[in-house]
PDB file of N, CA and C in Angstrom:
ATOM      1  N   UNK A   1      -6.599 -28.038  14.019  1.00  0.00           N
ATOM      2  CA  UNK A   1      -6.573 -26.612  14.300  1.00  0.00           C
ATOM      3  C   UNK A   1      -8.015 -26.113  14.354  1.00  0.00           C
ATOM      4  N   UNK A   2      -8.268 -25.269  15.285  1.00  0.00           N
ATOM      5  CA  UNK A   2      -9.600 -24.713  15.405  1.00  0.00           C
ATOM      6  C   UNK A   2      -9.852 -23.684  14.309  1.00  0.00           C
ATOM      7  N   UNK A   3     -11.117 -23.499  13.973  1.00  0.00           N
ATOM      8  CA  UNK A   3     -11.476 -22.552  12.910  1.00  0.00           C
ATOM      9  C   UNK A   3     -11.146 -21.123  13.304  1.00  0.00           C
ATOM     10  N   UNK A   4     -11.278 -20.800  14.573  1.00  0.00           N
ATOM     11  CA  UNK A   4     -10.970 -19.440  15.044  1.00  0.00           C
ATOM     12  C   UNK A   4      -9.482 -19.122  14.877  1.00  0.00           C
ATOM     13  N   UNK A   5      -8.636 -20.085  15.176  1.00  0.00           N
ATOM     14  CA  UNK A   5      -7.193 -19.888  15.021  1.00  0.00           C
ATOM     15  C   UNK A   5      -6.823 -19.743  13.551  1.00  0.00           C
ATOM     16  N   UNK A   6      -7.476 -20.515  12.688  1.00  0.00           N
ATOM     17  CA  UNK A   6      -7.204 -20.419  11.253  1.00  0.00           C
ATOM     18  C   UNK A   6      -7.613 -19.053  10.710  1.00  0.00           C
ATOM     19  N   UNK A   7      -8.701 -18.493  11.231  1.00  0.00           N
ATOM     20  CA  UNK A   7      -9.122 -17.156  10.806  1.00  0.00           C
ATOM     21  C   UNK A   7      -8.069 -16.121  11.168  1.00  0.00           C
ATOM     22  N   UNK A   8      -7.530 -16.222  12.381  1.00  0.00           N
ATOM     23  CA  UNK A   8      -6.517 -15.257  12.814  1.00  0.00           C
ATOM     24  C   UNK A   8      -5.220 -15.393  12.020  1.00  0.00           C
ATOM     25  N   UNK A   9      -4.836 -16.614  11.719  1.00  0.00           N
ATOM     26  CA  UNK A   9      -3.627 -16.832  10.923  1.00  0.00           C
ATOM     27  C   UNK A   9      -3.818 -16.292   9.511  1.00  0.00           C
ATOM     28  N   UNK A  10      -4.978 -16.549   8.915  1.00  0.00           N
ATOM     29  CA  UNK A  10      -5.254 -16.041   7.571  1.00  0.00           C
ATOM     30  C   UNK A  10      -5.290 -14.525   7.527  1.00  0.00           C
ATOM     31  N   UNK A  11      -5.880 -13.901   8.534  1.00  0.00           N
ATOM     32  CA  UNK A  11      -5.925 -12.435   8.575  1.00  0.00           C
ATOM     33  C   UNK A  11      -4.524 -11.859   8.747  1.00  0.00           C
ATOM     34  N   UNK A  12      -3.710 -12.512   9.553  1.00  0.00           N
ATOM     35  CA  UNK A  12      -2.330 -12.051   9.724  1.00  0.00           C
ATOM     36  C   UNK A  12      -1.522 -12.160   8.443  1.00  0.00           C
ATOM     37  N   UNK A  13      -1.737 -13.234   7.709  1.00  0.00           N
ATOM     38  CA  UNK A  13      -1.034 -13.388   6.438  1.00  0.00           C
ATOM     39  C   UNK A  13      -1.499 -12.361   5.404  1.00  0.00           C
ATOM     40  N   UNK A  14      -2.771 -12.006   5.443  1.00  0.00           N
ATOM     41  CA  UNK A  14      -3.284 -11.013   4.502  1.00  0.00           C
ATOM     42  C   UNK A  14      -2.716  -9.629   4.792  1.00  0.00           C
ATOM     43  N   UNK A  15      -2.404  -9.362   6.055  1.00  0.00           N
ATOM     44  CA  UNK A  15      -1.913  -8.040   6.439  1.00  0.00           C
ATOM     45  C   UNK A  15      -0.415  -7.881   6.143  1.00  0.00           C
ATOM     46  N   UNK A  16       0.269  -8.957   5.828  1.00  0.00           N
ATOM     47  CA  UNK A  16       1.692  -8.870   5.490  1.00  0.00           C
ATOM     48  C   UNK A  16       1.905  -7.950   4.286  1.00  0.00           C
ATOM     49  N   UNK A  17       0.921  -7.878   3.411  1.00  0.00           N
ATOM     50  CA  UNK A  17       1.031  -7.010   2.228  1.00  0.00           C
ATOM     51  C   UNK A  17       1.201  -5.550   2.617  1.00  0.00           C
ATOM     52  N   UNK A  18       0.767  -5.162   3.806  1.00  0.00           N
ATOM     53  CA  UNK A  18       0.883  -3.761   4.221  1.00  0.00           C
ATOM     54  C   UNK A  18       2.339  -3.334   4.390  1.00  0.00           C
ATOM     55  N   UNK A  19       3.219  -4.258   4.719  1.00  0.00           N
ATOM     56  CA  UNK A  19       4.640  -3.922   4.821  1.00  0.00           C
ATOM     57  C   UNK A  19       5.201  -3.553   3.448  1.00  0.00           C
ATOM     58  N   UNK A  20       4.824  -4.303   2.440  1.00  0.00           N
ATOM     59  CA  UNK A  20       5.262  -3.985   1.079  1.00  0.00           C
ATOM     60  C   UNK A  20       4.697  -2.675   0.584  1.00  0.00           C
ATOM     61  N   UNK A  21       3.480  -2.377   0.985  1.00  0.00           N
ATOM     62  CA  UNK A  21       2.860  -1.107   0.594  1.00  0.00           C
ATOM     63  C   UNK A  21       3.607   0.058   1.225  1.00  0.00           C
ATOM     64  N   UNK A  22       4.004  -0.089   2.471  1.00  0.00           N
ATOM     65  CA  UNK A  22       4.771   0.973   3.123  1.00  0.00           C
ATOM     66  C   UNK A  22       6.093   1.239   2.426  1.00  0.00           C
ATOM     67  N   UNK A  23       6.769   0.188   2.027  1.00  0.00           N
ATOM     68  CA  UNK A  23       8.028   0.344   1.294  1.00  0.00           C
ATOM     69  C   UNK A  23       7.774   0.987  -0.065  1.00  0.00           C
ATOM     70  N   UNK A  24       6.705   0.574  -0.734  1.00  0.00           N
ATOM     71  CA  UNK A  24       6.383   1.133  -2.049  1.00  0.00           C
ATOM     72  C   UNK A  24       6.061   2.611  -1.991  1.00  0.00           C
ATOM     73  N   UNK A  25       5.292   3.021  -0.990  1.00  0.00           N
ATOM     74  CA  UNK A  25       4.959   4.438  -0.848  1.00  0.00           C
ATOM     75  C   UNK A  25       6.203   5.249  -0.535  1.00  0.00           C
ATOM     76  N   UNK A  26       7.076   4.702   0.289  1.00  0.00           N
ATOM     77  CA  UNK A  26       8.339   5.388   0.571  1.00  0.00           C
ATOM     78  C   UNK A  26       9.185   5.571  -0.670  1.00  0.00           C
ATOM     79  N   UNK A  27       9.240   4.553  -1.508  1.00  0.00           N
ATOM     80  CA  UNK A  27       9.998   4.655  -2.757  1.00  0.00           C
ATOM     81  C   UNK A  27       9.383   5.681  -3.710  1.00  0.00           C
ATOM     82  N   UNK A  28       8.072   5.704  -3.777  1.00  0.00           N
ATOM     83  CA  UNK A  28       7.401   6.652  -4.676  1.00  0.00           C
ATOM     84  C   UNK A  28       7.720   8.084  -4.274  1.00  0.00           C
ATOM     85  N   UNK A  29       7.567   8.392  -2.992  1.00  0.00           N
ATOM     86  CA  UNK A  29       7.775   9.772  -2.571  1.00  0.00           C
ATOM     87  C   UNK A  29       9.246  10.161  -2.538  1.00  0.00           C
ATOM     88  N   UNK A  30      10.150   9.205  -2.284  1.00  0.00           N
ATOM     89  CA  UNK A  30      11.568   9.557  -2.348  1.00  0.00           C
ATOM     90  C   UNK A  30      11.976   9.863  -3.790  1.00  0.00           C
ATOM     91  N   UNK A  31      11.439   9.107  -4.734  1.00  0.00           N
ATOM     92  CA  UNK A  31      11.715   9.394  -6.139  1.00  0.00           C
ATOM     93  C   UNK A  31      11.086  10.708  -6.577  1.00  0.00           C
ATOM     94  N   UNK A  32       9.897  11.001  -6.057  1.00  0.00           N
ATOM     95  CA  UNK A  32       9.217  12.256  -6.388  1.00  0.00           C
ATOM     96  C   UNK A  32      10.019  13.454  -5.888  1.00  0.00           C
ATOM     97  N   UNK A  33      10.460  13.398  -4.647  1.00  0.00           N
ATOM     98  CA  UNK A  33      11.242  14.503  -4.090  1.00  0.00           C
ATOM     99  C   UNK A  33      12.576  14.647  -4.823  1.00  0.00           C
ATOM    100  N   UNK A  34      13.197  13.529  -5.140  1.00  0.00           N
ATOM    101  CA  UNK A  34      14.469  13.571  -5.849  1.00  0.00           C
ATOM    102  C   UNK A  34      14.319  14.164  -7.247  1.00  0.00           C
ATOM    103  N   UNK A  35      13.273  13.787  -7.951  1.00  0.00           N
ATOM    104  CA  UNK A  35      13.087  14.310  -9.306  1.00  0.00           C
ATOM    105  C   UNK A  35      12.722  15.790  -9.296  1.00  0.00           C
ATOM    106  N   UNK A  36      11.951  16.222  -8.309  1.00  0.00           N
ATOM    107  CA  UNK A  36      11.622  17.646  -8.222  1.00  0.00           C
ATOM    108  C   UNK A  36      12.846  18.454  -7.826  1.00  0.00           C
ATOM    109  N   UNK A  37      13.708  17.874  -6.987  1.00  0.00           N
ATOM    110  CA  UNK A  37      14.932  18.577  -6.601  1.00  0.00           C
ATOM    111  C   UNK A  37      15.888  18.711  -7.781  1.00  0.00           C
ATOM    112  N   UNK A  38      15.906  17.729  -8.656  1.00  0.00           N
ATOM    113  CA  UNK A  38      16.792  17.795  -9.817  1.00  0.00           C
ATOM    114  C   UNK A  38      16.285  18.752 -10.892  1.00  0.00           C
ATOM    115  N   UNK A  39      14.948  18.764 -11.078  1.00  0.00           N
ATOM    116  CA  UNK A  39      14.374  19.602 -12.121  1.00  0.00           C
ATOM    117  C   UNK A  39      13.073  20.221 -11.608  1.00  0.00           C
ATOM    118  N   UNK A  40      13.168  21.383 -10.949  1.00  0.00           N
ATOM    119  CA  UNK A  40      11.961  21.998 -10.383  1.00  0.00           C
ATOM    120  C   UNK A  40      10.937  22.418 -11.444  1.00  0.00           C
ATOM    121  N   UNK A  41      11.360  22.626 -12.658  1.00  0.00           N
ATOM    122  CA  UNK A  41      10.435  23.046 -13.708  1.00  0.00           C
ATOM    123  C   UNK A  41       9.465  21.935 -14.099  1.00  0.00           C
ATOM    124  N   UNK A  42       9.828  20.705 -13.846  1.00  0.00           N
ATOM    125  CA  UNK A  42       8.974  19.566 -14.224  1.00  0.00           C
ATOM    126  C   UNK A  42       8.044  19.156 -13.097  1.00  0.00           C
ATOM    127  N   UNK A  43       7.889  19.990 -12.092  1.00  0.00           N
ATOM    128  CA  UNK A  43       7.073  19.634 -10.932  1.00  0.00           C
ATOM    129  C   UNK A  43       5.630  19.340 -11.322  1.00  0.00           C
ATOM    130  N   UNK A  44       5.059  20.109 -12.198  1.00  0.00           N
ATOM    131  CA  UNK A  44       3.655  19.914 -12.592  1.00  0.00           C
ATOM    132  C   UNK A  44       3.401  18.562 -13.225  1.00  0.00           C
ATOM    133  N   UNK A  45       4.323  18.089 -14.050  1.00  0.00           N
ATOM    134  CA  UNK A  45       4.160  16.797 -14.708  1.00  0.00           C
ATOM    135  C   UNK A  45       4.429  15.641 -13.760  1.00  0.00           C
ATOM    136  N   UNK A  46       5.464  15.775 -12.959  1.00  0.00           N
ATOM    137  CA  UNK A  46       5.906  14.677 -12.112  1.00  0.00           C
ATOM    138  C   UNK A  46       4.977  14.493 -10.909  1.00  0.00           C
ATOM    139  N   UNK A  47       4.433  15.576 -10.394  1.00  0.00           N
ATOM    140  CA  UNK A  47       3.615  15.491  -9.189  1.00  0.00           C
ATOM    141  C   UNK A  47       2.340  14.673  -9.434  1.00  0.00           C
ATOM    142  N   UNK A  48       1.707  14.874 -10.549  1.00  0.00           N
ATOM    143  CA  UNK A  48       0.495  14.112 -10.860  1.00  0.00           C
ATOM    144  C   UNK A  48       0.756  12.624 -10.985  1.00  0.00           C
ATOM    145  N   UNK A  49       1.865  12.274 -11.611  1.00  0.00           N
ATOM    146  CA  UNK A  49       2.227  10.866 -11.757  1.00  0.00           C
ATOM    147  C   UNK A  49       2.557  10.263 -10.393  1.00  0.00           C
ATOM    148  N   UNK A  50       3.225  11.037  -9.536  1.00  0.00           N
ATOM    149  CA  UNK A  50       3.545  10.551  -8.190  1.00  0.00           C
ATOM    150  C   UNK A  50       2.304  10.311  -7.357  1.00  0.00           C
ATOM    151  N   UNK A  51       1.344  11.204  -7.441  1.00  0.00           N
ATOM    152  CA  UNK A  51       0.108  11.033  -6.684  1.00  0.00           C
ATOM    153  C   UNK A  51      -0.695   9.848  -7.230  1.00  0.00           C
ATOM    154  N   UNK A  52      -0.683   9.641  -8.531  1.00  0.00           N
ATOM    155  CA  UNK A  52      -1.343   8.468  -9.113  1.00  0.00           C
ATOM    156  C   UNK A  52      -0.695   7.183  -8.613  1.00  0.00           C
ATOM    157  N   UNK A  53       0.628   7.156  -8.583  1.00  0.00           N
ATOM    158  CA  UNK A  53       1.329   5.985  -8.049  1.00  0.00           C
ATOM    159  C   UNK A  53       1.004   5.744  -6.590  1.00  0.00           C
ATOM    160  N   UNK A  54       0.913   6.835  -5.816  1.00  0.00           N
ATOM    161  CA  UNK A  54       0.541   6.708  -4.413  1.00  0.00           C
ATOM    162  C   UNK A  54      -0.857   6.123  -4.267  1.00  0.00           C
ATOM    163  N   UNK A  55      -1.799   6.611  -5.058  1.00  0.00           N
ATOM    164  CA  UNK A  55      -3.180   6.141  -4.953  1.00  0.00           C
ATOM    165  C   UNK A  55      -3.291   4.663  -5.323  1.00  0.00           C
ATOM    166  N   UNK A  56      -2.589   4.245  -6.361  1.00  0.00           N
ATOM    167  CA  UNK A  56      -2.651   2.848  -6.769  1.00  0.00           C
ATOM    168  C   UNK A  56      -1.993   1.938  -5.738  1.00  0.00           C
ATOM    169  N   UNK A  57      -0.905   2.404  -5.139  1.00  0.00           N
ATOM    170  CA  UNK A  57      -0.241   1.616  -4.115  1.00  0.00           C
ATOM    171  C   UNK A  57      -1.090   1.540  -2.855  1.00  0.00           C
ATOM    172  N   UNK A  58      -1.724   2.630  -2.503  1.00  0.00           N
ATOM    173  CA  UNK A  58      -2.588   2.643  -1.328  1.00  0.00           C
ATOM    174  C   UNK A  58      -3.821   1.766  -1.544  1.00  0.00           C
ATOM    175  N   UNK A  59      -4.266   1.620  -2.782  1.00  0.00           N
ATOM    176  CA  UNK A  59      -5.403   0.744  -3.069  1.00  0.00           C
ATOM    177  C   UNK A  59      -5.068  -0.707  -2.738  1.00  0.00           C
ATOM    178  N   UNK A  60      -3.835  -1.098  -2.975  1.00  0.00           N
ATOM    179  CA  UNK A  60      -3.414  -2.456  -2.620  1.00  0.00           C
ATOM    180  C   UNK A  60      -3.511  -2.657  -1.115  1.00  0.00           C
ATOM    181  N   UNK A  61      -3.135  -1.633  -0.340  1.00  0.00           N
ATOM    182  CA  UNK A  61      -3.233  -1.732   1.116  1.00  0.00           C
ATOM    183  C   UNK A  61      -4.684  -1.862   1.553  1.00  0.00           C
ATOM    184  N   UNK A  62      -5.560  -1.112   0.929  1.00  0.00           N
ATOM    185  CA  UNK A  62      -6.967  -1.204   1.291  1.00  0.00           C
ATOM    186  C   UNK A  62      -7.562  -2.565   0.941  1.00  0.00           C
ATOM    187  N   UNK A  63      -7.140  -3.127  -0.194  1.00  0.00           N
ATOM    188  CA  UNK A  63      -7.614  -4.459  -0.562  1.00  0.00           C
ATOM    189  C   UNK A  63      -7.127  -5.499   0.450  1.00  0.00           C
ATOM    190  N   UNK A  64      -5.872  -5.415   0.859  1.00  0.00           N
ATOM    191  CA  UNK A  64      -5.330  -6.367   1.829  1.00  0.00           C
ATOM    192  C   UNK A  64      -6.046  -6.235   3.167  1.00  0.00           C
ATOM    193  N   UNK A  65      -6.318  -5.018   3.583  1.00  0.00           N
ATOM    194  CA  UNK A  65      -7.039  -4.802   4.828  1.00  0.00           C
ATOM    195  C   UNK A  65      -8.473  -5.315   4.736  1.00  0.00           C
ATOM    196  N   UNK A  66      -9.091  -5.125   3.585  1.00  0.00           N
ATOM    197  CA  UNK A  66     -10.446  -5.625   3.373  1.00  0.00           C
ATOM    198  C   UNK A  66     -10.486  -7.147   3.456  1.00  0.00           C
ATOM    199  N   UNK A  67      -9.521  -7.799   2.852  1.00  0.00           N
ATOM    200  CA  UNK A  67      -9.474  -9.265   2.899  1.00  0.00           C
ATOM    201  C   UNK A  67      -9.284  -9.751   4.329  1.00  0.00           C
ATOM    202  N   UNK A  68      -8.422  -9.085   5.087  1.00  0.00           N
ATOM    203  CA  UNK A  68      -8.216  -9.519   6.471  1.00  0.00           C
ATOM    204  C   UNK A  68      -9.476  -9.313   7.303  1.00  0.00           C
ATOM    205  N   UNK A  69     -10.197  -8.206   7.098  1.00  0.00           N
ATOM    206  CA  UNK A  69     -11.442  -7.993   7.828  1.00  0.00           C
ATOM    207  C   UNK A  69     -12.511  -9.004   7.407  1.00  0.00           C
ATOM    208  N   UNK A  70     -12.546  -9.341   6.128  1.00  0.00           N
ATOM    209  CA  UNK A  70     -13.495 -10.358   5.688  1.00  0.00           C
ATOM    210  C   UNK A  70     -13.200 -11.709   6.325  1.00  0.00           C
ATOM    211  N   UNK A  71     -11.929 -12.036   6.438  1.00  0.00           N
ATOM    212  CA  UNK A  71     -11.563 -13.309   7.077  1.00  0.00           C
ATOM    213  C   UNK A  71     -11.934 -13.292   8.557  1.00  0.00           C
ATOM    214  N   UNK A  72     -11.773 -12.158   9.199  1.00  0.00           N
ATOM    215  CA  UNK A  72     -12.050 -12.095  10.628  1.00  0.00           C
ATOM    216  C   UNK A  72     -13.540 -12.073  10.951  1.00  0.00           C
ATOM    217  N   UNK A  73     -14.301 -11.294  10.215  1.00  0.00           N
ATOM    218  CA  UNK A  73     -15.660 -11.020  10.639  1.00  0.00           C
ATOM    219  C   UNK A  73     -16.761 -11.649   9.771  1.00  0.00           C
ATOM    220  N   UNK A  74     -16.450 -12.061   8.566  1.00  0.00           N
ATOM    221  CA  UNK A  74     -17.491 -12.577   7.684  1.00  0.00           C
ATOM    222  C   UNK A  74     -17.453 -14.093   7.544  1.00  0.00           C
ATOM    223  N   UNK A  75     -16.331 -14.677   7.793  1.00  0.00           N
ATOM    224  CA  UNK A  75     -16.203 -16.133   7.620  1.00  0.00           C
ATOM    225  C   UNK A  75     -16.433 -16.834   8.925  1.00  0.00           C
TER     226      UNK A  75
END
């Protein structure tokens, strides 16, 4: 196998994590909306935790994207 093809395969495998991140973000916000709909008084407490979960999940996507770019352009 050529090195160029291996780089593309590795970058593609690294980007697979983005599908899981999309599902995770969807779950976070669906739970956030559901909990606020059930108890609107707890919005202040729940919203901060939801945004923290979103940020941590999005960080995984950025790491996966960074790894794929490193495989493509630095190696």
